[in-house]
Amino acid sequence: MRNRIDIRTEQHTLALELRITDEHSWNASEQGGESHHEAYKIRQLVSVMNRLFKDSFHFPEERFRQLRMDQGKLYSV
Protein backbone atom coordinates (compact mmCIF):
# COMPACT_ATOMS: atom_id res chain seq x y z
CA MET A 1 0.00 0.00 0.00
CA ARG A 2 2.90 2.34 0.66
CA ASN A 3 3.80 2.71 -2.98
CA ARG A 4 0.21 3.74 -3.79
CA ILE A 5 0.12 6.68 -1.40
CA ASP A 6 1.85 9.86 -2.53
CA ILE A 7 3.26 11.10 0.75
CA ARG A 8 6.61 12.77 1.08
CA THR A 9 8.54 11.98 4.24
CA GLU A 10 11.55 13.74 5.68
CA GLN A 11 14.19 12.69 8.13
CA HIS A 12 15.32 15.02 10.92
CA THR A 13 18.24 14.47 13.25
CA LEU A 14 18.06 15.95 16.73
CA ALA A 15 20.88 16.15 19.21
CA LEU A 16 19.79 14.66 22.52
CA GLU A 17 21.56 14.11 25.78
CA LEU A 18 20.05 11.85 28.43
CA ARG A 19 21.47 11.61 31.93
CA ILE A 20 20.30 9.45 34.79
CA THR A 21 21.47 10.66 38.19
CA ASP A 22 20.30 11.14 41.76
CA GLU A 23 19.22 14.53 43.07
CA HIS A 24 22.31 15.06 45.24
CA SER A 25 24.71 14.42 42.35
CA TRP A 26 22.63 16.57 40.01
CA ASN A 27 22.66 19.49 42.45
CA ALA A 28 26.40 19.15 43.01
CA SER A 29 27.34 18.93 39.33
CA GLU A 30 24.68 20.84 37.40
CA GLN A 31 23.52 23.64 39.66
CA GLY A 32 26.79 25.23 40.59
CA GLY A 33 30.22 26.18 39.36
CA GLU A 34 31.40 25.78 35.79
CA SER A 35 28.93 22.94 35.17
CA HIS A 36 25.89 25.12 35.86
CA HIS A 37 23.43 24.86 32.99
CA GLU A 38 23.59 28.58 32.17
CA ALA A 39 27.40 28.45 32.14
CA TYR A 40 27.28 25.50 29.75
CA LYS A 41 24.82 27.31 27.45
CA ILE A 42 27.05 30.39 27.34
CA ARG A 43 30.10 28.31 26.34
CA GLN A 44 28.06 26.57 23.64
CA LEU A 45 26.85 29.94 22.32
CA VAL A 46 30.42 31.27 22.19
CA SER A 47 31.52 28.17 20.27
CA VAL A 48 28.68 28.60 17.76
CA MET A 49 29.49 32.29 17.35
CA ASN A 50 33.13 31.39 16.69
CA ARG A 51 32.02 29.13 13.83
CA LEU A 52 29.31 31.32 12.34
CA PHE A 53 30.94 34.71 12.67
CA LYS A 54 34.60 33.75 12.35
CA ASP A 55 35.41 36.85 10.28
CA SER A 56 33.94 39.33 12.78
CA PHE A 57 33.95 37.50 16.13
CA HIS A 58 36.63 35.32 17.67
CA PHE A 59 36.92 34.01 21.21
CA PRO A 60 40.29 32.25 21.42
CA GLU A 61 40.22 28.57 22.40
CA GLU A 62 42.90 29.15 25.04
CA ARG A 63 40.58 31.61 26.84
CA PHE A 64 37.93 28.95 27.55
CA ARG A 65 39.91 27.80 30.60
CA GLN A 66 39.68 31.28 32.13
CA LEU A 67 35.99 31.47 31.14
CA ARG A 68 35.33 28.21 33.01
CA MET A 69 37.15 29.52 36.08
CA ASP A 70 35.18 32.78 36.00
CA GLN A 71 31.90 30.90 35.57
CA GLY A 72 32.84 28.64 38.48
CA LYS A 73 33.03 31.72 40.69
CA LEU A 74 29.95 33.37 39.23
CA TYR A 75 27.70 30.32 39.52
CA SER A 76 29.09 28.95 42.81
CA VAL A 77 26.40 27.74 45.17
PDB file of N, CA and C in Angstrom:
ATOM      1  N   MET A   1       0.819  -1.212   0.000  1.00  0.00           N
ATOM      2  CA  MET A   1       0.000   0.000   0.000  1.00  0.00           C
ATOM      3  C   MET A   1       0.856   1.267   0.000  1.00  0.00           C
ATOM      4  N   ARG A   2       2.076   1.150   0.543  1.00  0.00           N
ATOM      5  CA  ARG A   2       2.898   2.342   0.664  1.00  0.00           C
ATOM      6  C   ARG A   2       3.225   2.965  -0.683  1.00  0.00           C
ATOM      7  N   ASN A   3       3.444   2.160  -1.680  1.00  0.00           N
ATOM      8  CA  ASN A   3       3.802   2.714  -2.983  1.00  0.00           C
ATOM      9  C   ASN A   3       2.604   3.336  -3.699  1.00  0.00           C
ATOM     10  N   ARG A   4       1.419   3.143  -3.189  1.00  0.00           N
ATOM     11  CA  ARG A   4       0.210   3.736  -3.793  1.00  0.00           C
ATOM     12  C   ARG A   4      -0.126   5.103  -3.196  1.00  0.00           C
ATOM     13  N   ILE A   5       0.420   5.416  -2.063  1.00  0.00           N
ATOM     14  CA  ILE A   5       0.122   6.683  -1.397  1.00  0.00           C
ATOM     15  C   ILE A   5       1.245   7.670  -1.694  1.00  0.00           C
ATOM     16  N   ASP A   6       0.869   8.844  -2.169  1.00  0.00           N
ATOM     17  CA  ASP A   6       1.851   9.859  -2.534  1.00  0.00           C
ATOM     18  C   ASP A   6       2.100  10.784  -1.339  1.00  0.00           C
ATOM     19  N   ILE A   7       2.934  10.318  -0.437  1.00  0.00           N
ATOM     20  CA  ILE A   7       3.265  11.098   0.749  1.00  0.00           C
ATOM     21  C   ILE A   7       4.776  11.268   0.795  1.00  0.00           C
ATOM     22  N   ARG A   8       5.186  12.482   0.997  1.00  0.00           N
ATOM     23  CA  ARG A   8       6.611  12.771   1.084  1.00  0.00           C
ATOM     24  C   ARG A   8       7.018  12.759   2.561  1.00  0.00           C
ATOM     25  N   THR A   9       8.052  12.028   2.869  1.00  0.00           N
ATOM     26  CA  THR A   9       8.540  11.984   4.242  1.00  0.00           C
ATOM     27  C   THR A   9       9.920  12.617   4.306  1.00  0.00           C
ATOM     28  N   GLU A  10      10.249  13.126   5.477  1.00  0.00           N
ATOM     29  CA  GLU A  10      11.549  13.738   5.681  1.00  0.00           C
ATOM     30  C   GLU A  10      12.169  13.174   6.944  1.00  0.00           C
ATOM     31  N   GLN A  11      13.465  13.163   6.965  1.00  0.00           N
ATOM     32  CA  GLN A  11      14.188  12.693   8.133  1.00  0.00           C
ATOM     33  C   GLN A  11      14.843  13.884   8.815  1.00  0.00           C
ATOM     34  N   HIS A  12      14.722  13.950  10.136  1.00  0.00           N
ATOM     35  CA  HIS A  12      15.322  15.019  10.922  1.00  0.00           C
ATOM     36  C   HIS A  12      16.187  14.389  12.011  1.00  0.00           C
ATOM     37  N   THR A  13      17.329  14.954  12.212  1.00  0.00           N
ATOM     38  CA  THR A  13      18.235  14.472  13.252  1.00  0.00           C
ATOM     39  C   THR A  13      18.287  15.505  14.367  1.00  0.00           C
ATOM     40  N   LEU A  14      18.035  15.060  15.570  1.00  0.00           N
ATOM     41  CA  LEU A  14      18.058  15.947  16.726  1.00  0.00           C
ATOM     42  C   LEU A  14      19.147  15.500  17.684  1.00  0.00           C
ATOM     43  N   ALA A  15      19.878  16.468  18.197  1.00  0.00           N
ATOM     44  CA  ALA A  15      20.879  16.146  19.212  1.00  0.00           C
ATOM     45  C   ALA A  15      20.156  15.991  20.553  1.00  0.00           C
ATOM     46  N   LEU A  16      20.462  14.936  21.260  1.00  0.00           N
ATOM     47  CA  LEU A  16      19.787  14.656  22.517  1.00  0.00           C
ATOM     48  C   LEU A  16      20.791  14.104  23.512  1.00  0.00           C
ATOM     49  N   GLU A  17      20.719  14.619  24.719  1.00  0.00           N
ATOM     50  CA  GLU A  17      21.564  14.106  25.781  1.00  0.00           C
ATOM     51  C   GLU A  17      20.651  13.636  26.902  1.00  0.00           C
ATOM     52  N   LEU A  18      20.862  12.425  27.357  1.00  0.00           N
ATOM     53  CA  LEU A  18      20.053  11.848  28.427  1.00  0.00           C
ATOM     54  C   LEU A  18      20.974  11.453  29.567  1.00  0.00           C
ATOM     55  N   ARG A  19      20.671  11.951  30.752  1.00  0.00           N
ATOM     56  CA  ARG A  19      21.467  11.614  31.925  1.00  0.00           C
ATOM     57  C   ARG A  19      20.555  11.054  33.006  1.00  0.00           C
ATOM     58  N   ILE A  20      21.021  10.034  33.662  1.00  0.00           N
ATOM     59  CA  ILE A  20      20.300   9.454  34.789  1.00  0.00           C
ATOM     60  C   ILE A  20      21.193   9.638  36.014  1.00  0.00           C
ATOM     61  N   THR A  21      20.684  10.358  37.002  1.00  0.00           N
ATOM     62  CA  THR A  21      21.469  10.663  38.191  1.00  0.00           C
ATOM     63  C   THR A  21      20.543  10.874  39.378  1.00  0.00           C
ATOM     64  N   ASP A  22      21.111  10.850  40.574  1.00  0.00           N
ATOM     65  CA  ASP A  22      20.296  11.136  41.757  1.00  0.00           C
ATOM     66  C   ASP A  22      20.302  12.642  42.015  1.00  0.00           C
ATOM     67  N   GLU A  23      19.393  13.091  42.850  1.00  0.00           N
ATOM     68  CA  GLU A  23      19.223  14.532  43.074  1.00  0.00           C
ATOM     69  C   GLU A  23      20.475  15.168  43.671  1.00  0.00           C
ATOM     70  N   HIS A  24      21.113  14.495  44.605  1.00  0.00           N
ATOM     71  CA  HIS A  24      22.305  15.062  45.238  1.00  0.00           C
ATOM     72  C   HIS A  24      23.415  15.287  44.206  1.00  0.00           C
ATOM     73  N   SER A  25      23.674  14.295  43.379  1.00  0.00           N
ATOM     74  CA  SER A  25      24.714  14.418  42.349  1.00  0.00           C
ATOM     75  C   SER A  25      24.356  15.495  41.334  1.00  0.00           C
ATOM     76  N   TRP A  26      23.083  15.565  40.977  1.00  0.00           N
ATOM     77  CA  TRP A  26      22.632  16.570  40.015  1.00  0.00           C
ATOM     78  C   TRP A  26      22.845  17.969  40.576  1.00  0.00           C
ATOM     79  N   ASN A  27      22.456  18.176  41.832  1.00  0.00           N
ATOM     80  CA  ASN A  27      22.658  19.491  42.446  1.00  0.00           C
ATOM     81  C   ASN A  27      24.130  19.848  42.513  1.00  0.00           C
ATOM     82  N   ALA A  28      24.966  18.897  42.869  1.00  0.00           N
ATOM     83  CA  ALA A  28      26.396  19.150  43.006  1.00  0.00           C
ATOM     84  C   ALA A  28      27.054  19.458  41.672  1.00  0.00           C
ATOM     85  N   SER A  29      26.644  18.773  40.596  1.00  0.00           N
ATOM     86  CA  SER A  29      27.343  18.926  39.327  1.00  0.00           C
ATOM     87  C   SER A  29      26.680  19.891  38.357  1.00  0.00           C
ATOM     88  N   GLU A  30      25.377  20.048  38.419  1.00  0.00           N
ATOM     89  CA  GLU A  30      24.676  20.838  37.402  1.00  0.00           C
ATOM     90  C   GLU A  30      24.205  22.204  37.881  1.00  0.00           C
ATOM     91  N   GLN A  31      24.107  22.411  39.164  1.00  0.00           N
ATOM     92  CA  GLN A  31      23.518  23.644  39.659  1.00  0.00           C
ATOM     93  C   GLN A  31      24.538  24.618  40.228  1.00  0.00           C
ATOM     94  N   GLY A  32      25.798  24.328  40.061  1.00  0.00           N
ATOM     95  CA  GLY A  32      26.794  25.231  40.585  1.00  0.00           C
ATOM     96  C   GLY A  32      28.091  25.141  39.821  1.00  0.00           C
ATOM     97  N   GLY A  33      28.905  26.173  39.972  1.00  0.00           N
ATOM     98  CA  GLY A  33      30.221  26.182  39.363  1.00  0.00           C
ATOM     99  C   GLY A  33      30.191  26.205  37.851  1.00  0.00           C
ATOM    100  N   GLU A  34      31.273  25.722  37.252  1.00  0.00           N
ATOM    101  CA  GLU A  34      31.398  25.784  35.794  1.00  0.00           C
ATOM    102  C   GLU A  34      30.439  24.846  35.076  1.00  0.00           C
ATOM    103  N   SER A  35      29.855  23.881  35.800  1.00  0.00           N
ATOM    104  CA  SER A  35      28.926  22.939  35.167  1.00  0.00           C
ATOM    105  C   SER A  35      27.481  23.412  35.224  1.00  0.00           C
ATOM    106  N   HIS A  36      27.250  24.564  35.804  1.00  0.00           N
ATOM    107  CA  HIS A  36      25.894  25.120  35.862  1.00  0.00           C
ATOM    108  C   HIS A  36      25.325  25.193  34.453  1.00  0.00           C
ATOM    109  N   HIS A  37      24.049  24.930  34.319  1.00  0.00           N
ATOM    110  CA  HIS A  37      23.427  24.857  32.993  1.00  0.00           C
ATOM    111  C   HIS A  37      23.602  26.161  32.209  1.00  0.00           C
ATOM    112  N   GLU A  38      23.434  27.296  32.865  1.00  0.00           N
ATOM    113  CA  GLU A  38      23.585  28.580  32.166  1.00  0.00           C
ATOM    114  C   GLU A  38      25.028  28.770  31.699  1.00  0.00           C
ATOM    115  N   ALA A  39      25.986  28.349  32.522  1.00  0.00           N
ATOM    116  CA  ALA A  39      27.399  28.449  32.137  1.00  0.00           C
ATOM    117  C   ALA A  39      27.663  27.600  30.897  1.00  0.00           C
ATOM    118  N   TYR A  40      27.129  26.408  30.892  1.00  0.00           N
ATOM    119  CA  TYR A  40      27.282  25.503  29.750  1.00  0.00           C
ATOM    120  C   TYR A  40      26.679  26.131  28.487  1.00  0.00           C
ATOM    121  N   LYS A  41      25.480  26.699  28.617  1.00  0.00           N
ATOM    122  CA  LYS A  41      24.823  27.311  27.454  1.00  0.00           C
ATOM    123  C   LYS A  41      25.639  28.475  26.909  1.00  0.00           C
ATOM    124  N   ILE A  42      26.237  29.256  27.790  1.00  0.00           N
ATOM    125  CA  ILE A  42      27.051  30.387  27.342  1.00  0.00           C
ATOM    126  C   ILE A  42      28.261  29.883  26.553  1.00  0.00           C
ATOM    127  N   ARG A  43      28.931  28.853  27.064  1.00  0.00           N
ATOM    128  CA  ARG A  43      30.097  28.314  26.343  1.00  0.00           C
ATOM    129  C   ARG A  43      29.690  27.740  24.993  1.00  0.00           C
ATOM    130  N   GLN A  44      28.533  27.095  24.925  1.00  0.00           N
ATOM    131  CA  GLN A  44      28.057  26.570  23.644  1.00  0.00           C
ATOM    132  C   GLN A  44      27.766  27.705  22.673  1.00  0.00           C
ATOM    133  N   LEU A  45      27.161  28.787  23.162  1.00  0.00           N
ATOM    134  CA  LEU A  45      26.852  29.940  22.321  1.00  0.00           C
ATOM    135  C   LEU A  45      28.139  30.572  21.788  1.00  0.00           C
ATOM    136  N   VAL A  46      29.143  30.707  22.633  1.00  0.00           N
ATOM    137  CA  VAL A  46      30.422  31.270  22.195  1.00  0.00           C
ATOM    138  C   VAL A  46      31.043  30.385  21.118  1.00  0.00           C
ATOM    139  N   SER A  47      30.975  29.082  21.281  1.00  0.00           N
ATOM    140  CA  SER A  47      31.516  28.168  20.267  1.00  0.00           C
ATOM    141  C   SER A  47      30.788  28.311  18.938  1.00  0.00           C
ATOM    142  N   VAL A  48      29.478  28.424  18.987  1.00  0.00           N
ATOM    143  CA  VAL A  48      28.683  28.603  17.758  1.00  0.00           C
ATOM    144  C   VAL A  48      29.027  29.931  17.101  1.00  0.00           C
ATOM    145  N   MET A  49      29.146  30.981  17.909  1.00  0.00           N
ATOM    146  CA  MET A  49      29.487  32.295  17.353  1.00  0.00           C
ATOM    147  C   MET A  49      30.863  32.263  16.704  1.00  0.00           C
ATOM    148  N   ASN A  50      31.803  31.533  17.301  1.00  0.00           N
ATOM    149  CA  ASN A  50      33.127  31.390  16.693  1.00  0.00           C
ATOM    150  C   ASN A  50      33.025  30.779  15.301  1.00  0.00           C
ATOM    151  N   ARG A  51      32.173  29.789  15.142  1.00  0.00           N
ATOM    152  CA  ARG A  51      32.024  29.126  13.834  1.00  0.00           C
ATOM    153  C   ARG A  51      31.269  29.991  12.831  1.00  0.00           C
ATOM    154  N   LEU A  52      30.162  30.584  13.277  1.00  0.00           N
ATOM    155  CA  LEU A  52      29.310  31.316  12.341  1.00  0.00           C
ATOM    156  C   LEU A  52      29.856  32.689  11.957  1.00  0.00           C
ATOM    157  N   PHE A  53      30.491  33.343  12.906  1.00  0.00           N
ATOM    158  CA  PHE A  53      30.942  34.715  12.668  1.00  0.00           C
ATOM    159  C   PHE A  53      32.463  34.822  12.733  1.00  0.00           C
ATOM    160  N   LYS A  54      33.151  33.825  12.196  1.00  0.00           N
ATOM    161  CA  LYS A  54      34.605  33.750  12.345  1.00  0.00           C
ATOM    162  C   LYS A  54      35.339  34.961  11.784  1.00  0.00           C
ATOM    163  N   ASP A  55      34.741  35.679  10.843  1.00  0.00           N
ATOM    164  CA  ASP A  55      35.406  36.854  10.281  1.00  0.00           C
ATOM    165  C   ASP A  55      35.232  38.107  11.143  1.00  0.00           C
ATOM    166  N   SER A  56      34.193  38.127  11.980  1.00  0.00           N
ATOM    167  CA  SER A  56      33.943  39.330  12.783  1.00  0.00           C
ATOM    168  C   SER A  56      33.916  39.082  14.287  1.00  0.00           C
ATOM    169  N   PHE A  57      33.956  37.825  14.709  1.00  0.00           N
ATOM    170  CA  PHE A  57      33.955  37.496  16.129  1.00  0.00           C
ATOM    171  C   PHE A  57      34.892  36.320  16.345  1.00  0.00           C
ATOM    172  N   HIS A  58      35.751  36.446  17.361  1.00  0.00           N
ATOM    173  CA  HIS A  58      36.635  35.318  17.667  1.00  0.00           C
ATOM    174  C   HIS A  58      36.947  35.306  19.154  1.00  0.00           C
ATOM    175  N   PHE A  59      36.578  34.236  19.811  1.00  0.00           N
ATOM    176  CA  PHE A  59      36.921  34.009  21.213  1.00  0.00           C
ATOM    177  C   PHE A  59      37.970  32.904  21.201  1.00  0.00           C
ATOM    178  N   PRO A  60      39.213  33.225  21.544  1.00  0.00           N
ATOM    179  CA  PRO A  60      40.295  32.248  21.425  1.00  0.00           C
ATOM    180  C   PRO A  60      40.062  30.999  22.278  1.00  0.00           C
ATOM    181  N   GLU A  61      40.394  29.859  21.726  1.00  0.00           N
ATOM    182  CA  GLU A  61      40.224  28.575  22.405  1.00  0.00           C
ATOM    183  C   GLU A  61      40.957  28.552  23.745  1.00  0.00           C
ATOM    184  N   GLU A  62      42.125  29.159  23.795  1.00  0.00           N
ATOM    185  CA  GLU A  62      42.902  29.150  25.037  1.00  0.00           C
ATOM    186  C   GLU A  62      42.266  29.982  26.146  1.00  0.00           C
ATOM    187  N   ARG A  63      41.263  30.800  25.824  1.00  0.00           N
ATOM    188  CA  ARG A  63      40.577  31.609  26.838  1.00  0.00           C
ATOM    189  C   ARG A  63      39.406  30.867  27.493  1.00  0.00           C
ATOM    190  N   PHE A  64      39.038  29.715  26.963  1.00  0.00           N
ATOM    191  CA  PHE A  64      37.925  28.952  27.546  1.00  0.00           C
ATOM    192  C   PHE A  64      38.256  28.487  28.964  1.00  0.00           C
ATOM    193  N   ARG A  65      39.529  28.208  29.239  1.00  0.00           N
ATOM    194  CA  ARG A  65      39.912  27.800  30.597  1.00  0.00           C
ATOM    195  C   ARG A  65      39.591  28.909  31.599  1.00  0.00           C
ATOM    196  N   GLN A  66      39.964  30.144  31.248  1.00  0.00           N
ATOM    197  CA  GLN A  66      39.677  31.277  32.132  1.00  0.00           C
ATOM    198  C   GLN A  66      38.164  31.507  32.225  1.00  0.00           C
ATOM    199  N   LEU A  67      37.453  31.335  31.123  1.00  0.00           N
ATOM    200  CA  LEU A  67      35.993  31.475  31.143  1.00  0.00           C
ATOM    201  C   LEU A  67      35.374  30.474  32.112  1.00  0.00           C
ATOM    202  N   ARG A  68      35.831  29.231  32.076  1.00  0.00           N
ATOM    203  CA  ARG A  68      35.328  28.209  33.007  1.00  0.00           C
ATOM    204  C   ARG A  68      35.611  28.595  34.460  1.00  0.00           C
ATOM    205  N   MET A  69      36.801  29.112  34.723  1.00  0.00           N
ATOM    206  CA  MET A  69      37.148  29.521  36.080  1.00  0.00           C
ATOM    207  C   MET A  69      36.257  30.676  36.539  1.00  0.00           C
ATOM    208  N   ASP A  70      36.043  31.652  35.660  1.00  0.00           N
ATOM    209  CA  ASP A  70      35.176  32.780  36.005  1.00  0.00           C
ATOM    210  C   ASP A  70      33.741  32.336  36.238  1.00  0.00           C
ATOM    211  N   GLN A  71      33.254  31.412  35.391  1.00  0.00           N
ATOM    212  CA  GLN A  71      31.901  30.900  35.570  1.00  0.00           C
ATOM    213  C   GLN A  71      31.789  30.093  36.855  1.00  0.00           C
ATOM    214  N   GLY A  72      32.847  29.380  37.224  1.00  0.00           N
ATOM    215  CA  GLY A  72      32.838  28.636  38.476  1.00  0.00           C
ATOM    216  C   GLY A  72      32.617  29.548  39.662  1.00  0.00           C
ATOM    217  N   LYS A  73      33.224  30.736  39.618  1.00  0.00           N
ATOM    218  CA  LYS A  73      33.029  31.720  40.690  1.00  0.00           C
ATOM    219  C   LYS A  73      31.652  32.354  40.617  1.00  0.00           C
ATOM    220  N   LEU A  74      31.235  32.697  39.425  1.00  0.00           N
ATOM    221  CA  LEU A  74      29.951  33.374  39.231  1.00  0.00           C
ATOM    222  C   LEU A  74      28.771  32.494  39.632  1.00  0.00           C
ATOM    223  N   TYR A  75      28.819  31.212  39.273  1.00  0.00           N
ATOM    224  CA  TYR A  75      27.700  30.316  39.516  1.00  0.00           C
ATOM    225  C   TYR A  75      27.921  29.415  40.733  1.00  0.00           C
ATOM    226  N   SER A  76      28.852  29.793  41.622  1.00  0.00           N
ATOM    227  CA  SER A  76      29.086  28.954  42.812  1.00  0.00           C
ATOM    228  C   SER A  76      27.863  28.993  43.719  1.00  0.00           C
ATOM    229  N   VAL A  77      27.597  27.881  44.344  1.00  0.00           N
ATOM    230  CA  VAL A  77      26.396  27.743  45.168  1.00  0.00           C
ATOM    231  C   VAL A  77      26.627  28.313  46.546  1.00  0.00           C
TER     232      VAL A  77
END
